[in-house]
Amino acid sequence: MTLSFYIRNPRAPPNAGRNHDIFIGTCKLNPRFEEVRQPLEDPKANKRDRATAAAVAQQERSLGQAGAEWLNLQFGTGSVKVGVQFIENRTRSLKIEDFDLLKVVGKGSFGKVMQVM
C-alpha cells in the first residue's frame, strides 16, 4: 500500500479545490492481515533463548507491519508514524448492508461492481 501525504496550501485562492495542495511525500506500507499475538518474555530465559526469540520476532516483522511504526518518507523528507491493526471478524460474514454504497464502477452479465465504504 502506498500512502501519499499532502497539506492544504494556506495561500490557495478560495474554492481552489485540491489543485494547490503541497506534496509532502509518500511511504510504502506492507500491512499484515492476520492477528498478531505479543510474545511473553520469560524472565528465566538464558542468553541463547533470548537470541532465538529475537530472531523469531524479526521473522514475524518480515511478514508485514502490525502495530505502529515510524516510516521514512520517499520523495520528501522526514518520517510519519503509521499504525496497522487487524482484527478478524469472527462473528458473521459480511453483507451488502454492512457497507455504504458510493457508486457503480461497472456492470456486467454477472452483476454490478460497486465502490463502497
C-alpha atoms as a PDB file:
ATOM      1  CA  MET A   1       0.000   0.000   0.000  1.00  0.00           C
ATOM      2  CA  THR A   2       1.337   3.444  -0.839  1.00  0.00           C
ATOM      3  CA  LEU A   3       0.324   6.434   1.272  1.00  0.00           C
ATOM      4  CA  SER A   4       0.735   9.952  -0.134  1.00  0.00           C
ATOM      5  CA  PHE A   5       0.745  12.960   2.178  1.00  0.00           C
ATOM      6  CA  TYR A   6      -0.379  16.494   1.293  1.00  0.00           C
ATOM      7  CA  ILE A   7      -1.168  19.618   3.266  1.00  0.00           C
ATOM      8  CA  ARG A   8      -3.568  22.351   2.312  1.00  0.00           C
ATOM      9  CA  ASN A   9      -1.898  25.455   0.892  1.00  0.00           C
ATOM     10  CA  PRO A  10      -2.915  28.419   3.075  1.00  0.00           C
ATOM     11  CA  ARG A  11      -2.229  30.792   0.160  1.00  0.00           C
ATOM     12  CA  ALA A  12      -4.534  28.966  -2.250  1.00  0.00           C
ATOM     13  CA  PRO A  13      -7.428  31.049  -3.600  1.00  0.00           C
ATOM     14  CA  PRO A  14     -10.889  30.324  -2.162  1.00  0.00           C
ATOM     15  CA  ASN A  15     -12.682  27.360  -3.748  1.00  0.00           C
ATOM     16  CA  ALA A  16      -9.446  26.228  -5.458  1.00  0.00           C
ATOM     17  CA  GLY A  17     -10.088  22.596  -4.547  1.00  0.00           C
ATOM     18  CA  ARG A  18      -7.123  20.277  -4.139  1.00  0.00           C
ATOM     19  CA  ASN A  19      -5.100  21.631  -7.087  1.00  0.00           C
ATOM     20  CA  HIS A  20      -2.931  23.849  -4.872  1.00  0.00           C
ATOM     21  CA  ASP A  21      -2.171  21.313  -2.103  1.00  0.00           C
ATOM     22  CA  ILE A  22       1.508  20.907  -1.140  1.00  0.00           C
ATOM     23  CA  PHE A  23       3.036  17.438  -1.580  1.00  0.00           C
ATOM     24  CA  ILE A  24       4.968  16.220   1.486  1.00  0.00           C
ATOM     25  CA  GLY A  25       5.991  12.715   0.398  1.00  0.00           C
ATOM     26  CA  THR A  26       4.928   9.085   0.153  1.00  0.00           C
ATOM     27  CA  CYS A  27       5.663   5.944   2.103  1.00  0.00           C
ATOM     28  CA  LYS A  28       5.132   2.280   1.344  1.00  0.00           C
ATOM     29  CA  LEU A  29       3.276   0.151   3.848  1.00  0.00           C
ATOM     30  CA  ASN A  30       3.060  -3.640   3.891  1.00  0.00           C
ATOM     31  CA  PRO A  31       0.157  -4.396   6.275  1.00  0.00           C
ATOM     32  CA  ARG A  32      -0.121  -7.779   7.917  1.00  0.00           C
ATOM     33  CA  PHE A  33      -3.647  -9.156   7.617  1.00  0.00           C
ATOM     34  CA  GLU A  34      -3.641 -11.604  10.499  1.00  0.00           C
ATOM     35  CA  GLU A  35      -3.893 -11.167  14.221  1.00  0.00           C
ATOM     36  CA  VAL A  36      -0.536 -10.923  15.959  1.00  0.00           C
ATOM     37  CA  ARG A  37      -0.105 -12.190  19.477  1.00  0.00           C
ATOM     38  CA  GLN A  38       2.513 -10.459  21.598  1.00  0.00           C
ATOM     39  CA  PRO A  39       5.081 -12.988  22.855  1.00  0.00           C
ATOM     40  CA  LEU A  40       5.537 -13.177  26.597  1.00  0.00           C
ATOM     41  CA  GLU A  41       9.100 -12.593  27.751  1.00  0.00           C
ATOM     42  CA  ASP A  42      10.395 -15.284  30.063  1.00  0.00           C
ATOM     43  CA  PRO A  43      12.454 -13.729  32.863  1.00  0.00           C
ATOM     44  CA  LYS A  44      14.215 -17.078  33.396  1.00  0.00           C
ATOM     45  CA  ALA A  45      15.317 -17.406  29.746  1.00  0.00           C
ATOM     46  CA  ASN A  46      19.029 -17.702  29.082  1.00  0.00           C
ATOM     47  CA  LYS A  47      21.009 -15.715  26.509  1.00  0.00           C
ATOM     48  CA  ARG A  48      20.561 -18.312  23.736  1.00  0.00           C
ATOM     49  CA  ASP A  49      16.776 -18.456  24.238  1.00  0.00           C
ATOM     50  CA  ARG A  50      16.558 -14.650  24.115  1.00  0.00           C
ATOM     51  CA  ALA A  51      18.568 -14.608  20.866  1.00  0.00           C
ATOM     52  CA  THR A  52      16.206 -17.224  19.397  1.00  0.00           C
ATOM     53  CA  ALA A  53      13.183 -15.160  20.481  1.00  0.00           C
ATOM     54  CA  ALA A  54      14.698 -12.058  18.856  1.00  0.00           C
ATOM     55  CA  ALA A  55      15.242 -13.973  15.596  1.00  0.00           C
ATOM     56  CA  VAL A  56      11.619 -15.169  15.630  1.00  0.00           C
ATOM     57  CA  ALA A  57      10.422 -11.602  16.268  1.00  0.00           C
ATOM     58  CA  GLN A  58      12.497 -10.361  13.302  1.00  0.00           C
ATOM     59  CA  GLN A  59      10.985 -13.066  11.096  1.00  0.00           C
ATOM     60  CA  GLU A  60       7.492 -12.041  12.252  1.00  0.00           C
ATOM     61  CA  ARG A  61       8.211  -8.407  11.273  1.00  0.00           C
ATOM     62  CA  SER A  62       9.239  -9.532   7.775  1.00  0.00           C
ATOM     63  CA  LEU A  63       5.698 -10.872   7.225  1.00  0.00           C
ATOM     64  CA  GLY A  64       4.316  -7.333   7.263  1.00  0.00           C
ATOM     65  CA  GLN A  65       3.641  -4.416   9.558  1.00  0.00           C
ATOM     66  CA  ALA A  66       1.495  -4.902  12.629  1.00  0.00           C
ATOM     67  CA  GLY A  67       1.277  -2.103  15.168  1.00  0.00           C
ATOM     68  CA  ALA A  68       2.625   1.428  14.944  1.00  0.00           C
ATOM     69  CA  GLU A  69       5.988   2.144  13.295  1.00  0.00           C
ATOM     70  CA  TRP A  70       7.852   5.210  12.061  1.00  0.00           C
ATOM     71  CA  LEU A  71       8.230   5.081   8.254  1.00  0.00           C
ATOM     72  CA  ASN A  72      10.608   7.297   6.291  1.00  0.00           C
ATOM     73  CA  LEU A  73       9.020   9.396   3.547  1.00  0.00           C
ATOM     74  CA  GLN A  74      10.081   8.856  -0.048  1.00  0.00           C
ATOM     75  CA  PHE A  75      10.221  11.815  -2.439  1.00  0.00           C
ATOM     76  CA  GLY A  76      10.204  14.032   0.633  1.00  0.00           C
ATOM     77  CA  THR A  77      11.930  14.408   3.965  1.00  0.00           C
ATOM     78  CA  GLY A  78      11.042  13.237   7.441  1.00  0.00           C
ATOM     79  CA  SER A  79       9.028  10.320   8.721  1.00  0.00           C
ATOM     80  CA  VAL A  80       5.473   9.536   9.722  1.00  0.00           C
ATOM     81  CA  LYS A  81       4.110   7.154  12.346  1.00  0.00           C
ATOM     82  CA  VAL A  82       1.570   4.735  10.860  1.00  0.00           C
ATOM     83  CA  GLY A  83      -0.281   2.071  12.802  1.00  0.00           C
ATOM     84  CA  VAL A  84      -1.839  -1.125  11.482  1.00  0.00           C
ATOM     85  CA  GLN A  85      -4.118  -3.369  13.486  1.00  0.00           C
ATOM     86  CA  PHE A  86      -6.031  -6.291  12.053  1.00  0.00           C
ATOM     87  CA  ILE A  87      -8.936  -7.822  13.962  1.00  0.00           C
ATOM     88  CA  GLU A  88     -10.609 -10.771  12.312  1.00  0.00           C
ATOM     89  CA  ASN A  89     -14.404 -10.634  12.072  1.00  0.00           C
ATOM     90  CA  ARG A  90     -15.393 -13.958  13.598  1.00  0.00           C
ATOM     91  CA  THR A  91     -18.999 -13.151  14.389  1.00  0.00           C
ATOM     92  CA  ARG A  92     -20.591 -13.445  10.944  1.00  0.00           C
ATOM     93  CA  SER A  93     -19.956 -12.969   7.259  1.00  0.00           C
ATOM     94  CA  LEU A  94     -20.276  -9.516   5.710  1.00  0.00           C
ATOM     95  CA  LYS A  95     -23.429  -8.488   3.889  1.00  0.00           C
ATOM     96  CA  ILE A  96     -24.226  -5.661   1.478  1.00  0.00           C
ATOM     97  CA  GLU A  97     -25.952  -3.818   4.340  1.00  0.00           C
ATOM     98  CA  ASP A  98     -22.593  -3.543   6.158  1.00  0.00           C
ATOM     99  CA  PHE A  99     -21.300  -1.074   3.539  1.00  0.00           C
ATOM    100  CA  ASP A 100     -22.150   2.417   2.327  1.00  0.00           C
ATOM    101  CA  LEU A 101     -22.646   2.188  -1.444  1.00  0.00           C
ATOM    102  CA  LEU A 102     -20.797   5.067  -3.125  1.00  0.00           C
ATOM    103  CA  LYS A 103     -21.121   4.488  -6.877  1.00  0.00           C
ATOM    104  CA  VAL A 104     -21.359   1.880  -9.632  1.00  0.00           C
ATOM    105  CA  VAL A 105     -17.901   1.228 -11.089  1.00  0.00           C
ATOM    106  CA  GLY A 106     -19.048  -1.174 -13.802  1.00  0.00           C
ATOM    107  CA  LYS A 107     -21.814  -3.505 -14.957  1.00  0.00           C
ATOM    108  CA  GLY A 108     -21.538  -6.961 -16.464  1.00  0.00           C
ATOM    109  CA  SER A 109     -23.526 -10.087 -17.202  1.00  0.00           C
ATOM    110  CA  PHE A 110     -22.978 -11.370 -13.638  1.00  0.00           C
ATOM    111  CA  GLY A 111     -23.900  -8.159 -11.836  1.00  0.00           C
ATOM    112  CA  LYS A 112     -22.573  -4.758 -10.776  1.00  0.00           C
ATOM    113  CA  VAL A 113     -19.184  -3.740  -9.392  1.00  0.00           C
ATOM    114  CA  MET A 114     -19.666  -1.109  -6.696  1.00  0.00           C
ATOM    115  CA  GLN A 115     -17.346   1.258  -4.884  1.00  0.00           C
ATOM    116  CA  VAL A 116     -18.178   1.004  -1.185  1.00  0.00           C
ATOM    117  CA  MET A 117     -17.027   2.380   2.143  1.00  0.00           C
END
